[in-house]
Amino acid sequence: MLRKTLEGKHLSNMAMAQVVRRMNAERHSAGLPKYVDPKENNREVVPHGFRSTFTDWVADRSNFDKETREFATGHAITDKTVAAYRRGTAVEKRRKLMDAWAGYCASPTSGDVVPFRKGEAR
């Protein structure tokens, strides 16, 4: 149902935050540990952490260029000269990047990816 209603739309930061809060509340109620960031003193995960993880993955584990990564994360071009001439959106490059990211997230092999499907616990 959720997939059907969100098809073709993005989740806002607030919606993502609410999803994470609900997931952690459900885990806590079930006696499971909450999803936390061990690099941040076990602070509960937040949506911005997903962006940071994505950025690290692109830089460390893919061959995509920095410009495509910046477009994918929605960062503005801060150099005014570059921004004046860069009018494209790199949509095909971003599509390939997001397909690669989806593949990485869907097939965890190294323990780096925590599954978020209901009923799956680590």
PDB file of N, CA and C in Angstrom:
ATOM      1  N   MET A   1       0.818  -1.194   0.000  1.00  0.00           N
ATOM      2  CA  MET A   1       0.000   0.000   0.000  1.00  0.00           C
ATOM      3  C   MET A   1       0.861   1.256   0.000  1.00  0.00           C
ATOM      4  N   LEU A   2       1.844   1.314   0.888  1.00  0.00           N
ATOM      5  CA  LEU A   2       2.719   2.480   0.957  1.00  0.00           C
ATOM      6  C   LEU A   2       3.426   2.690  -0.370  1.00  0.00           C
ATOM      7  N   ARG A   3       3.943   1.620  -0.957  1.00  0.00           N
ATOM      8  CA  ARG A   3       4.647   1.738  -2.231  1.00  0.00           C
ATOM      9  C   ARG A   3       3.732   2.313  -3.302  1.00  0.00           C
ATOM     10  N   LYS A   4       2.491   1.870  -3.337  1.00  0.00           N
ATOM     11  CA  LYS A   4       1.544   2.345  -4.348  1.00  0.00           C
ATOM     12  C   LYS A   4       1.293   3.842  -4.195  1.00  0.00           C
ATOM     13  N   THR A   5       1.104   4.319  -2.973  1.00  0.00           N
ATOM     14  CA  THR A   5       0.794   5.730  -2.771  1.00  0.00           C
ATOM     15  C   THR A   5       2.014   6.616  -2.987  1.00  0.00           C
ATOM     16  N   LEU A   6       3.219   6.082  -2.828  1.00  0.00           N
ATOM     17  CA  LEU A   6       4.420   6.890  -2.980  1.00  0.00           C
ATOM     18  C   LEU A   6       5.059   6.770  -4.353  1.00  0.00           C
ATOM     19  N   GLU A   7       4.497   5.934  -5.201  1.00  0.00           N
ATOM     20  CA  GLU A   7       5.095   5.714  -6.506  1.00  0.00           C
ATOM     21  C   GLU A   7       5.282   7.026  -7.246  1.00  0.00           C
ATOM     22  N   GLY A   8       6.499   7.278  -7.668  1.00  0.00           N
ATOM     23  CA  GLY A   8       6.793   8.486  -8.405  1.00  0.00           C
ATOM     24  C   GLY A   8       6.986   9.720  -7.544  1.00  0.00           C
ATOM     25  N   LYS A   9       6.970   9.564  -6.230  1.00  0.00           N
ATOM     26  CA  LYS A   9       7.125  10.703  -5.332  1.00  0.00           C
ATOM     27  C   LYS A   9       8.272  10.427  -4.376  1.00  0.00           C
ATOM     28  N   HIS A  10       8.827  11.479  -3.817  1.00  0.00           N
ATOM     29  CA  HIS A  10       9.908  11.296  -2.851  1.00  0.00           C
ATOM     30  C   HIS A  10       9.372  11.475  -1.436  1.00  0.00           C
ATOM     31  N   LEU A  11      10.100  10.901  -0.496  1.00  0.00           N
ATOM     32  CA  LEU A  11       9.753  11.079   0.910  1.00  0.00           C
ATOM     33  C   LEU A  11      10.417  12.349   1.428  1.00  0.00           C
ATOM     34  N   SER A  12       9.693  13.134   2.159  1.00  0.00           N
ATOM     35  CA  SER A  12      10.283  14.321   2.771  1.00  0.00           C
ATOM     36  C   SER A  12      11.173  13.891   3.930  1.00  0.00           C
ATOM     37  N   ASN A  13      12.015  14.788   4.371  1.00  0.00           N
ATOM     38  CA  ASN A  13      12.870  14.514   5.517  1.00  0.00           C
ATOM     39  C   ASN A  13      12.020  14.177   6.747  1.00  0.00           C
ATOM     40  N   MET A  14      10.910  14.890   6.918  1.00  0.00           N
ATOM     41  CA  MET A  14      10.026  14.645   8.063  1.00  0.00           C
ATOM     42  C   MET A  14       9.394  13.255   7.970  1.00  0.00           C
ATOM     43  N   ALA A  15       8.982  12.852   6.771  1.00  0.00           N
ATOM     44  CA  ALA A  15       8.399  11.516   6.593  1.00  0.00           C
ATOM     45  C   ALA A  15       9.436  10.435   6.901  1.00  0.00           C
ATOM     46  N   MET A  16      10.655  10.638   6.428  1.00  0.00           N
ATOM     47  CA  MET A  16      11.731   9.684   6.724  1.00  0.00           C
ATOM     48  C   MET A  16      11.985   9.612   8.229  1.00  0.00           C
ATOM     49  N   ALA A  17      12.004  10.761   8.885  1.00  0.00           N
ATOM     50  CA  ALA A  17      12.232  10.788  10.334  1.00  0.00           C
ATOM     51  C   ALA A  17      11.138  10.017  11.060  1.00  0.00           C
ATOM     52  N   GLN A  18       9.913  10.187  10.616  1.00  0.00           N
ATOM     53  CA  GLN A  18       8.788   9.486  11.239  1.00  0.00           C
ATOM     54  C   GLN A  18       8.898   7.972  11.040  1.00  0.00           C
ATOM     55  N   VAL A  19       9.309   7.551   9.857  1.00  0.00           N
ATOM     56  CA  VAL A  19       9.495   6.123   9.586  1.00  0.00           C
ATOM     57  C   VAL A  19      10.559   5.543  10.522  1.00  0.00           C
ATOM     58  N   VAL A  20      11.669   6.238  10.658  1.00  0.00           N
ATOM     59  CA  VAL A  20      12.752   5.762  11.529  1.00  0.00           C
ATOM     60  C   VAL A  20      12.281   5.708  12.982  1.00  0.00           C
ATOM     61  N   ARG A  21      11.561   6.738  13.430  1.00  0.00           N
ATOM     62  CA  ARG A  21      11.054   6.738  14.812  1.00  0.00           C
ATOM     63  C   ARG A  21      10.120   5.552  15.054  1.00  0.00           C
ATOM     64  N   ARG A  22       9.224   5.297  14.096  1.00  0.00           N
ATOM     65  CA  ARG A  22       8.297   4.166  14.239  1.00  0.00           C
ATOM     66  C   ARG A  22       9.040   2.838  14.258  1.00  0.00           C
ATOM     67  N   MET A  23      10.033   2.700  13.385  1.00  0.00           N
ATOM     68  CA  MET A  23      10.808   1.453  13.349  1.00  0.00           C
ATOM     69  C   MET A  23      11.493   1.221  14.688  1.00  0.00           C
ATOM     70  N   ASN A  24      12.099   2.265  15.235  1.00  0.00           N
ATOM     71  CA  ASN A  24      12.783   2.102  16.520  1.00  0.00           C
ATOM     72  C   ASN A  24      11.800   1.845  17.654  1.00  0.00           C
ATOM     73  N   ALA A  25      10.636   2.468  17.608  1.00  0.00           N
ATOM     74  CA  ALA A  25       9.620   2.218  18.638  1.00  0.00           C
ATOM     75  C   ALA A  25       9.156   0.766  18.573  1.00  0.00           C
ATOM     76  N   GLU A  26       8.931   0.250  17.359  1.00  0.00           N
ATOM     77  CA  GLU A  26       8.511  -1.146  17.198  1.00  0.00           C
ATOM     78  C   GLU A  26       9.600  -2.102  17.695  1.00  0.00           C
ATOM     79  N   ARG A  27      10.843  -1.797  17.364  1.00  0.00           N
ATOM     80  CA  ARG A  27      11.945  -2.646  17.826  1.00  0.00           C
ATOM     81  C   ARG A  27      12.025  -2.624  19.345  1.00  0.00           C
ATOM     82  N   HIS A  28      11.895  -1.452  19.935  1.00  0.00           N
ATOM     83  CA  HIS A  28      11.957  -1.320  21.393  1.00  0.00           C
ATOM     84  C   HIS A  28      10.822  -2.121  22.048  1.00  0.00           C
ATOM     85  N   SER A  29       9.623  -2.006  21.494  1.00  0.00           N
ATOM     86  CA  SER A  29       8.466  -2.750  22.020  1.00  0.00           C
ATOM     87  C   SER A  29       8.663  -4.257  21.925  1.00  0.00           C
ATOM     88  N   ALA A  30       9.376  -4.683  20.896  1.00  0.00           N
ATOM     89  CA  ALA A  30       9.623  -6.116  20.696  1.00  0.00           C
ATOM     90  C   ALA A  30      10.840  -6.606  21.479  1.00  0.00           C
ATOM     91  N   GLY A  31      11.450  -5.714  22.264  1.00  0.00           N
ATOM     92  CA  GLY A  31      12.617  -6.103  23.041  1.00  0.00           C
ATOM     93  C   GLY A  31      13.898  -6.172  22.227  1.00  0.00           C
ATOM     94  N   LEU A  32      13.875  -5.566  21.041  1.00  0.00           N
ATOM     95  CA  LEU A  32      15.066  -5.547  20.182  1.00  0.00           C
ATOM     96  C   LEU A  32      15.787  -4.220  20.336  1.00  0.00           C
ATOM     97  N   PRO A  33      17.068  -4.198  20.063  1.00  0.00           N
ATOM     98  CA  PRO A  33      17.785  -2.928  20.151  1.00  0.00           C
ATOM     99  C   PRO A  33      17.362  -1.981  19.033  1.00  0.00           C
ATOM    100  N   LYS A  34      17.399  -0.698  19.331  1.00  0.00           N
ATOM    101  CA  LYS A  34      17.063   0.310  18.328  1.00  0.00           C
ATOM    102  C   LYS A  34      18.200   0.413  17.316  1.00  0.00           C
ATOM    103  N   TYR A  35      17.867   0.942  16.136  1.00  0.00           N
ATOM    104  CA  TYR A  35      18.893   1.224  15.144  1.00  0.00           C
ATOM    105  C   TYR A  35      19.653   2.459  15.615  1.00  0.00           C
ATOM    106  N   VAL A  36      20.954   2.315  15.779  1.00  0.00           N
ATOM    107  CA  VAL A  36      21.788   3.409  16.265  1.00  0.00           C
ATOM    108  C   VAL A  36      23.017   3.554  15.373  1.00  0.00           C
ATOM    109  N   ASP A  37      23.682   4.683  15.517  1.00  0.00           N
ATOM    110  CA  ASP A  37      24.913   4.943  14.785  1.00  0.00           C
ATOM    111  C   ASP A  37      26.085   4.799  15.752  1.00  0.00           C
ATOM    112  N   PRO A  38      26.841   3.706  15.642  1.00  0.00           N
ATOM    113  CA  PRO A  38      27.949   3.485  16.566  1.00  0.00           C
ATOM    114  C   PRO A  38      29.044   4.543  16.453  1.00  0.00           C
ATOM    115  N   LYS A  39      29.110   5.226  15.312  1.00  0.00           N
ATOM    116  CA  LYS A  39      30.124   6.273  15.138  1.00  0.00           C
ATOM    117  C   LYS A  39      29.692   7.584  15.792  1.00  0.00           C
ATOM    118  N   GLU A  40      28.452   7.637  16.260  1.00  0.00           N
ATOM    119  CA  GLU A  40      27.912   8.838  16.910  1.00  0.00           C
ATOM    120  C   GLU A  40      27.452   8.504  18.327  1.00  0.00           C
ATOM    121  N   ASN A  41      28.279   7.763  19.061  1.00  0.00           N
ATOM    122  CA  ASN A  41      27.962   7.374  20.443  1.00  0.00           C
ATOM    123  C   ASN A  41      26.621   6.665  20.573  1.00  0.00           C
ATOM    124  N   ASN A  42      26.300   5.826  19.584  1.00  0.00           N
ATOM    125  CA  ASN A  42      25.061   5.044  19.572  1.00  0.00           C
ATOM    126  C   ASN A  42      23.800   5.893  19.581  1.00  0.00           C
ATOM    127  N   ARG A  43      23.887   7.076  19.015  1.00  0.00           N
ATOM    128  CA  ARG A  43      22.711   7.932  18.853  1.00  0.00           C
ATOM    129  C   ARG A  43      21.746   7.250  17.879  1.00  0.00           C
ATOM    130  N   GLU A  44      20.454   7.380  18.115  1.00  0.00           N
ATOM    131  CA  GLU A  44      19.488   6.793  17.192  1.00  0.00           C
ATOM    132  C   GLU A  44      19.707   7.359  15.792  1.00  0.00           C
ATOM    133  N   VAL A  45      19.556   6.490  14.792  1.00  0.00           N
ATOM    134  CA  VAL A  45      19.774   6.938  13.421  1.00  0.00           C
ATOM    135  C   VAL A  45      18.772   8.026  13.054  1.00  0.00           C
ATOM    136  N   VAL A  46      19.197   8.894  12.159  1.00  0.00           N
ATOM    137  CA  VAL A  46      18.368   9.997  11.668  1.00  0.00           C
ATOM    138  C   VAL A  46      18.445  10.006  10.149  1.00  0.00           C
ATOM    139  N   PRO A  47      17.449  10.598   9.475  1.00  0.00           N
ATOM    140  CA  PRO A  47      17.470  10.597   8.007  1.00  0.00           C
ATOM    141  C   PRO A  47      18.736  11.180   7.394  1.00  0.00           C
ATOM    142  N   HIS A  48      19.293  12.198   8.000  1.00  0.00           N
ATOM    143  CA  HIS A  48      20.504  12.774   7.417  1.00  0.00           C
ATOM    144  C   HIS A  48      21.622  11.748   7.367  1.00  0.00           C
ATOM    145  N   GLY A  49      21.599  10.801   8.266  1.00  0.00           N
ATOM    146  CA  GLY A  49      22.587   9.730   8.241  1.00  0.00           C
ATOM    147  C   GLY A  49      22.499   8.907   6.962  1.00  0.00           C
ATOM    148  N   PHE A  50      21.293   8.772   6.402  1.00  0.00           N
ATOM    149  CA  PHE A  50      21.137   8.049   5.145  1.00  0.00           C
ATOM    150  C   PHE A  50      21.861   8.797   4.023  1.00  0.00           C
ATOM    151  N   ARG A  51      21.741  10.115   4.015  1.00  0.00           N
ATOM    152  CA  ARG A  51      22.421  10.926   3.000  1.00  0.00           C
ATOM    153  C   ARG A  51      23.936  10.808   3.157  1.00  0.00           C
ATOM    154  N   SER A  52      24.386  10.834   4.387  1.00  0.00           N
ATOM    155  CA  SER A  52      25.812  10.720   4.653  1.00  0.00           C
ATOM    156  C   SER A  52      26.335   9.353   4.220  1.00  0.00           C
ATOM    157  N   THR A  53      25.590   8.317   4.526  1.00  0.00           N
ATOM    158  CA  THR A  53      25.976   6.962   4.124  1.00  0.00           C
ATOM    159  C   THR A  53      26.049   6.856   2.612  1.00  0.00           C
ATOM    160  N   PHE A  54      25.050   7.407   1.934  1.00  0.00           N
ATOM    161  CA  PHE A  54      25.026   7.409   0.472  1.00  0.00           C
ATOM    162  C   PHE A  54      26.253   8.131  -0.081  1.00  0.00           C
ATOM    163  N   THR A  55      26.542   9.304   0.459  1.00  0.00           N
ATOM    164  CA  THR A  55      27.681  10.099   0.000  1.00  0.00           C
ATOM    165  C   THR A  55      28.987   9.335   0.179  1.00  0.00           C
ATOM    166  N   ASP A  56      29.158   8.699   1.340  1.00  0.00           N
ATOM    167  CA  ASP A  56      30.360   7.904   1.581  1.00  0.00           C
ATOM    168  C   ASP A  56      30.454   6.740   0.601  1.00  0.00           C
ATOM    169  N   TRP A  57      29.327   6.072   0.371  1.00  0.00           N
ATOM    170  CA  TRP A  57      29.325   4.930  -0.555  1.00  0.00           C
ATOM    171  C   TRP A  57      29.719   5.376  -1.957  1.00  0.00           C
ATOM    172  N   VAL A  58      29.146   6.470  -2.429  1.00  0.00           N
ATOM    173  CA  VAL A  58      29.475   6.945  -3.775  1.00  0.00           C
ATOM    174  C   VAL A  58      30.969   7.238  -3.876  1.00  0.00           C
ATOM    175  N   ALA A  59      31.501   7.934  -2.878  1.00  0.00           N
ATOM    176  CA  ALA A  59      32.913   8.320  -2.922  1.00  0.00           C
ATOM    177  C   ALA A  59      33.856   7.132  -2.759  1.00  0.00           C
ATOM    178  N   ASP A  60      33.508   6.210  -1.873  1.00  0.00           N
ATOM    179  CA  ASP A  60      34.429   5.124  -1.518  1.00  0.00           C
ATOM    180  C   ASP A  60      34.257   3.841  -2.319  1.00  0.00           C
ATOM    181  N   ARG A  61      33.048   3.584  -2.802  1.00  0.00           N
ATOM    182  CA  ARG A  61      32.785   2.265  -3.384  1.00  0.00           C
ATOM    183  C   ARG A  61      32.197   2.288  -4.786  1.00  0.00           C
ATOM    184  N   SER A  62      32.174   3.444  -5.412  1.00  0.00           N
ATOM    185  CA  SER A  62      31.643   3.501  -6.774  1.00  0.00           C
ATOM    186  C   SER A  62      32.582   4.304  -7.655  1.00  0.00           C
ATOM    187  N   ASN A  63      32.304   4.303  -8.933  1.00  0.00           N
ATOM    188  CA  ASN A  63      33.105   5.075  -9.888  1.00  0.00           C
ATOM    189  C   ASN A  63      32.360   6.311 -10.378  1.00  0.00           C
ATOM    190  N   PHE A  64      31.273   6.680  -9.710  1.00  0.00           N
ATOM    191  CA  PHE A  64      30.524   7.859 -10.127  1.00  0.00           C
ATOM    192  C   PHE A  64      31.270   9.121  -9.715  1.00  0.00           C
ATOM    193  N   ASP A  65      31.149  10.156 -10.540  1.00  0.00           N
ATOM    194  CA  ASP A  65      31.881  11.385 -10.271  1.00  0.00           C
ATOM    195  C   ASP A  65      31.189  12.237  -9.201  1.00  0.00           C
ATOM    196  N   LYS A  66      31.961  13.168  -8.670  1.00  0.00           N
ATOM    197  CA  LYS A  66      31.474  14.034  -7.590  1.00  0.00           C
ATOM    198  C   LYS A  66      30.265  14.859  -8.037  1.00  0.00           C
ATOM    199  N   GLU A  67      30.277  15.334  -9.268  1.00  0.00           N
ATOM    200  CA  GLU A  67      29.167  16.153  -9.761  1.00  0.00           C
ATOM    201  C   GLU A  67      27.844  15.377  -9.736  1.00  0.00           C
ATOM    202  N   THR A  68      27.886  14.122 -10.171  1.00  0.00           N
ATOM    203  CA  THR A  68      26.668  13.301 -10.160  1.00  0.00           C
ATOM    204  C   THR A  68      26.206  13.062  -8.727  1.00  0.00           C
ATOM    205  N   ARG A  69      27.160  12.800  -7.841  1.00  0.00           N
ATOM    206  CA  ARG A  69      26.818  12.618  -6.421  1.00  0.00           C
ATOM    207  C   ARG A  69      26.159  13.875  -5.870  1.00  0.00           C
ATOM    208  N   GLU A  70      26.699  15.021  -6.173  1.00  0.00           N
ATOM    209  CA  GLU A  70      26.143  16.275  -5.659  1.00  0.00           C
ATOM    210  C   GLU A  70      24.741  16.524  -6.215  1.00  0.00           C
ATOM    211  N   PHE A  71      24.542  16.221  -7.493  1.00  0.00           N
ATOM    212  CA  PHE A  71      23.195  16.343  -8.069  1.00  0.00           C
ATOM    213  C   PHE A  71      22.223  15.407  -7.354  1.00  0.00           C
ATOM    214  N   ALA A  72      22.669  14.175  -7.102  1.00  0.00           N
ATOM    215  CA  ALA A  72      21.791  13.179  -6.485  1.00  0.00           C
ATOM    216  C   ALA A  72      21.393  13.542  -5.061  1.00  0.00           C
ATOM    217  N   THR A  73      22.273  14.235  -4.352  1.00  0.00           N
ATOM    218  CA  THR A  73      21.945  14.625  -2.978  1.00  0.00           C
ATOM    219  C   THR A  73      21.253  15.979  -2.907  1.00  0.00           C
ATOM    220  N   GLY A  74      21.065  16.611  -4.060  1.00  0.00           N
ATOM    221  CA  GLY A  74      20.337  17.873  -4.101  1.00  0.00           C
ATOM    222  C   GLY A  74      21.145  19.073  -3.658  1.00  0.00           C
ATOM    223  N   HIS A  75      22.458  18.943  -3.649  1.00  0.00           N
ATOM    224  CA  HIS A  75      23.298  20.071  -3.242  1.00  0.00           C
ATOM    225  C   HIS A  75      23.375  21.103  -4.356  1.00  0.00           C
ATOM    226  N   ALA A  76      23.353  22.356  -3.978  1.00  0.00           N
ATOM    227  CA  ALA A  76      23.452  23.453  -4.935  1.00  0.00           C
ATOM    228  C   ALA A  76      24.914  23.639  -5.347  1.00  0.00           C
ATOM    229  N   ILE A  77      25.105  24.142  -6.547  1.00  0.00           N
ATOM    230  CA  ILE A  77      26.439  24.481  -7.009  1.00  0.00           C
ATOM    231  C   ILE A  77      26.797  25.826  -6.381  1.00  0.00           C
ATOM    232  N   THR A  78      27.843  25.845  -5.591  1.00  0.00           N
ATOM    233  CA  THR A  78      28.189  27.075  -4.863  1.00  0.00           C
ATOM    234  C   THR A  78      29.044  28.029  -5.688  1.00  0.00           C
ATOM    235  N   ASP A  79      29.753  27.491  -6.677  1.00  0.00           N
ATOM    236  CA  ASP A  79      30.555  28.347  -7.541  1.00  0.00           C
ATOM    237  C   ASP A  79      29.615  29.034  -8.531  1.00  0.00           C
ATOM    238  N   LYS A  80      29.506  30.357  -8.451  1.00  0.00           N
ATOM    239  CA  LYS A  80      28.540  31.099  -9.271  1.00  0.00           C
ATOM    240  C   LYS A  80      28.820  30.970 -10.760  1.00  0.00           C
ATOM    241  N   THR A  81      30.076  30.908 -11.140  1.00  0.00           N
ATOM    242  CA  THR A  81      30.417  30.777 -12.556  1.00  0.00           C
ATOM    243  C   THR A  81      29.979  29.417 -13.077  1.00  0.00           C
ATOM    244  N   VAL A  82      30.302  28.364 -12.330  1.00  0.00           N
ATOM    245  CA  VAL A  82      29.897  27.010 -12.728  1.00  0.00           C
ATOM    246  C   VAL A  82      28.372  26.927 -12.781  1.00  0.00           C
ATOM    247  N   ALA A  83      27.707  27.465 -11.767  1.00  0.00           N
ATOM    248  CA  ALA A  83      26.239  27.428 -11.714  1.00  0.00           C
ATOM    249  C   ALA A  83      25.612  28.152 -12.899  1.00  0.00           C
ATOM    250  N   ALA A  84      26.232  29.226 -13.357  1.00  0.00           N
ATOM    251  CA  ALA A  84      25.690  29.993 -14.488  1.00  0.00           C
ATOM    252  C   ALA A  84      25.688  29.177 -15.773  1.00  0.00           C
ATOM    253  N   TYR A  85      26.658  28.288 -15.925  1.00  0.00           N
ATOM    254  CA  TYR A  85      26.760  27.498 -17.148  1.00  0.00           C
ATOM    255  C   TYR A  85      26.174  26.103 -17.024  1.00  0.00           C
ATOM    256  N   ARG A  86      25.998  25.619 -15.829  1.00  0.00           N
ATOM    257  CA  ARG A  86      25.496  24.250 -15.622  1.00  0.00           C
ATOM    258  C   ARG A  86      23.995  24.295 -15.472  1.00  0.00           C
ATOM    259  N   ARG A  87      23.288  23.991 -16.551  1.00  0.00           N
ATOM    260  CA  ARG A  87      21.834  24.060 -16.513  1.00  0.00           C
ATOM    261  C   ARG A  87      21.162  22.696 -16.594  1.00  0.00           C
ATOM    262  N   GLY A  88      21.927  21.671 -16.874  1.00  0.00           N
ATOM    263  CA  GLY A  88      21.364  20.332 -16.977  1.00  0.00           C
ATOM    264  C   GLY A  88      21.082  19.735 -15.606  1.00  0.00           C
ATOM    265  N   THR A  89      20.491  18.563 -15.624  1.00  0.00           N
ATOM    266  CA  THR A  89      20.162  17.883 -14.362  1.00  0.00           C
ATOM    267  C   THR A  89      20.842  16.527 -14.230  1.00  0.00           C
ATOM    268  N   ALA A  90      21.561  16.099 -15.268  1.00  0.00           N
ATOM    269  CA  ALA A  90      22.269  14.807 -15.252  1.00  0.00           C
ATOM    270  C   ALA A  90      21.336  13.658 -14.875  1.00  0.00           C
ATOM    271  N   VAL A  91      20.104  13.722 -15.358  1.00  0.00           N
ATOM    272  CA  VAL A  91      19.103  12.746 -14.933  1.00  0.00           C
ATOM    273  C   VAL A  91      19.495  11.305 -15.262  1.00  0.00           C
ATOM    274  N   GLU A  92      20.079  11.055 -16.416  1.00  0.00           N
ATOM    275  CA  GLU A  92      20.465   9.677 -16.759  1.00  0.00           C
ATOM    276  C   GLU A  92      21.618   9.189 -15.887  1.00  0.00           C
ATOM    277  N   LYS A  93      22.578  10.058 -15.612  1.00  0.00           N
ATOM    278  CA  LYS A  93      23.671   9.687 -14.713  1.00  0.00           C
ATOM    279  C   LYS A  93      23.132   9.413 -13.316  1.00  0.00           C
ATOM    280  N   ARG A  94      22.212  10.265 -12.868  1.00  0.00           N
ATOM    281  CA  ARG A  94      21.631  10.067 -11.535  1.00  0.00           C
ATOM    282  C   ARG A  94      20.828   8.782 -11.478  1.00  0.00           C
ATOM    283  N   ARG A  95      20.118   8.462 -12.542  1.00  0.00           N
ATOM    284  CA  ARG A  95      19.330   7.225 -12.583  1.00  0.00           C
ATOM    285  C   ARG A  95      20.253   6.010 -12.440  1.00  0.00           C
ATOM    286  N   LYS A  96      21.371   6.018 -13.162  1.00  0.00           N
ATOM    287  CA  LYS A  96      22.328   4.906 -13.061  1.00  0.00           C
ATOM    288  C   LYS A  96      22.918   4.833 -11.656  1.00  0.00           C
ATOM    289  N   LEU A  97      23.224   5.992 -11.087  1.00  0.00           N
ATOM    290  CA  LEU A  97      23.760   6.026  -9.732  1.00  0.00           C
ATOM    291  C   LEU A  97      22.761   5.462  -8.738  1.00  0.00           C
ATOM    292  N   MET A  98      21.517   5.882  -8.823  1.00  0.00           N
ATOM    293  CA  MET A  98      20.507   5.410  -7.875  1.00  0.00           C
ATOM    294  C   MET A  98      20.198   3.930  -8.068  1.00  0.00           C
ATOM    295  N   ASP A  99      20.277   3.439  -9.299  1.00  0.00           N
ATOM    296  CA  ASP A  99      20.111   2.000  -9.531  1.00  0.00           C
ATOM    297  C   ASP A  99      21.241   1.216  -8.850  1.00  0.00           C
ATOM    298  N   ALA A 100      22.465   1.729  -8.959  1.00  0.00           N
ATOM    299  CA  ALA A 100      23.602   1.064  -8.306  1.00  0.00           C
ATOM    300  C   ALA A 100      23.444   1.101  -6.790  1.00  0.00           C
ATOM    301  N   TRP A 101      22.988   2.221  -6.256  1.00  0.00           N
ATOM    302  CA  TRP A 101      22.767   2.352  -4.804  1.00  0.00           C
ATOM    303  C   TRP A 101      21.680   1.389  -4.348  1.00  0.00           C
ATOM    304  N   ALA A 102      20.589   1.302  -5.108  1.00  0.00           N
ATOM    305  CA  ALA A 102      19.506   0.381  -4.762  1.00  0.00           C
ATOM    306  C   ALA A 102      20.011  -1.060  -4.749  1.00  0.00           C
ATOM    307  N   GLY A 103      20.834  -1.403  -5.722  1.00  0.00           N
ATOM    308  CA  GLY A 103      21.411  -2.746  -5.761  1.00  0.00           C
ATOM    309  C   GLY A 103      22.283  -3.025  -4.553  1.00  0.00           C
ATOM    310  N   TYR A 104      23.061  -2.048  -4.151  1.00  0.00           N
ATOM    311  CA  TYR A 104      23.911  -2.200  -2.972  1.00  0.00           C
ATOM    312  C   TYR A 104      23.062  -2.398  -1.717  1.00  0.00           C
ATOM    313  N   CYS A 105      22.031  -1.583  -1.588  1.00  0.00           N
ATOM    314  CA  CYS A 105      21.176  -1.670  -0.394  1.00  0.00           C
ATOM    315  C   CYS A 105      20.346  -2.951  -0.363  1.00  0.00           C
ATOM    316  N   ALA A 106      19.981  -3.463  -1.522  1.00  0.00           N
ATOM    317  CA  ALA A 106      19.117  -4.645  -1.598  1.00  0.00           C
ATOM    318  C   ALA A 106      19.877  -5.952  -1.413  1.00  0.00           C
ATOM    319  N   SER A 107      21.194  -5.913  -1.511  1.00  0.00           N
ATOM    320  CA  SER A 107      21.942  -7.167  -1.383  1.00  0.00           C
ATOM    321  C   SER A 107      23.137  -6.995  -0.452  1.00  0.00           C
ATOM    322  N   PRO A 108      22.825  -6.853   0.848  1.00  0.00           N
ATOM    323  CA  PRO A 108      23.928  -6.703   1.800  1.00  0.00           C
ATOM    324  C   PRO A 108      24.782  -7.961   1.865  1.00  0.00           C
ATOM    325  N   THR A 109      26.082  -7.765   1.774  1.00  0.00           N
ATOM    326  CA  THR A 109      26.981  -8.910   1.823  1.00  0.00           C
ATOM    327  C   THR A 109      28.048  -8.769   2.892  1.00  0.00           C
ATOM    328  N   SER A 110      28.313  -7.550   3.310  1.00  0.00           N
ATOM    329  CA  SER A 110      29.423  -7.347   4.233  1.00  0.00           C
ATOM    330  C   SER A 110      28.990  -6.990   5.647  1.00  0.00           C
ATOM    331  N   GLY A 111      27.697  -6.928   5.887  1.00  0.00           N
ATOM    332  CA  GLY A 111      27.233  -6.525   7.198  1.00  0.00           C
ATOM    333  C   GLY A 111      27.137  -5.015   7.342  1.00  0.00           C
ATOM    334  N   ASP A 112      27.468  -4.280   6.262  1.00  0.00           N
ATOM    335  CA  ASP A 112      27.385  -2.823   6.304  1.00  0.00           C
ATOM    336  C   ASP A 112      25.956  -2.320   6.184  1.00  0.00           C
ATOM    337  N   VAL A 113      25.080  -3.129   5.611  1.00  0.00           N
ATOM    338  CA  VAL A 113      23.713  -2.700   5.347  1.00  0.00           C
ATOM    339  C   VAL A 113      22.776  -3.370   6.340  1.00  0.00           C
ATOM    340  N   VAL A 114      21.955  -2.576   7.009  1.00  0.00           N
ATOM    341  CA  VAL A 114      20.979  -3.092   7.960  1.00  0.00           C
ATOM    342  C   VAL A 114      19.643  -3.187   7.232  1.00  0.00           C
ATOM    343  N   PRO A 115      19.026  -4.384   7.174  1.00  0.00           N
ATOM    344  CA  PRO A 115      17.741  -4.505   6.488  1.00  0.00           C
ATOM    345  C   PRO A 115      16.645  -3.772   7.252  1.00  0.00           C
ATOM    346  N   PHE A 116      15.743  -3.129   6.526  1.00  0.00           N
ATOM    347  CA  PHE A 116      14.654  -2.397   7.141  1.00  0.00           C
ATOM    348  C   PHE A 116      13.297  -3.041   6.897  1.00  0.00           C
ATOM    349  N   ARG A 117      13.274  -4.216   6.324  1.00  0.00           N
ATOM    350  CA  ARG A 117      11.987  -4.875   6.104  1.00  0.00           C
ATOM    351  C   ARG A 117      11.446  -5.401   7.417  1.00  0.00           C
ATOM    352  N   LYS A 118      10.147  -5.303   7.569  1.00  0.00           N
ATOM    353  CA  LYS A 118       9.511  -5.748   8.815  1.00  0.00           C
ATOM    354  C   LYS A 118       9.828  -7.221   9.075  1.00  0.00           C
ATOM    355  N   GLY A 119      10.196  -7.503  10.293  1.00  0.00           N
ATOM    356  CA  GLY A 119      10.478  -8.875  10.681  1.00  0.00           C
ATOM    357  C   GLY A 119      11.932  -9.272  10.549  1.00  0.00           C
ATOM    358  N   GLU A 120      12.732  -8.449   9.873  1.00  0.00           N
ATOM    359  CA  GLU A 120      14.146  -8.761   9.729  1.00  0.00           C
ATOM    360  C   GLU A 120      14.913  -8.044  10.820  1.00  0.00           C
ATOM    361  N   ALA A 121      15.643  -8.767  11.550  1.00  0.00           N
ATOM    362  CA  ALA A 121      16.475  -8.163  12.598  1.00  0.00           C
ATOM    363  C   ALA A 121      17.894  -8.650  12.434  1.00  0.00           C
ATOM    364  N   ARG A 122      18.779  -7.847  12.870  1.00  0.00           N
ATOM    365  CA  ARG A 122      20.186  -8.190  12.785  1.00  0.00           C
ATOM    366  C   ARG A 122      20.684  -8.793  14.043  1.00  0.00           C
TER     367      ARG A 122
END
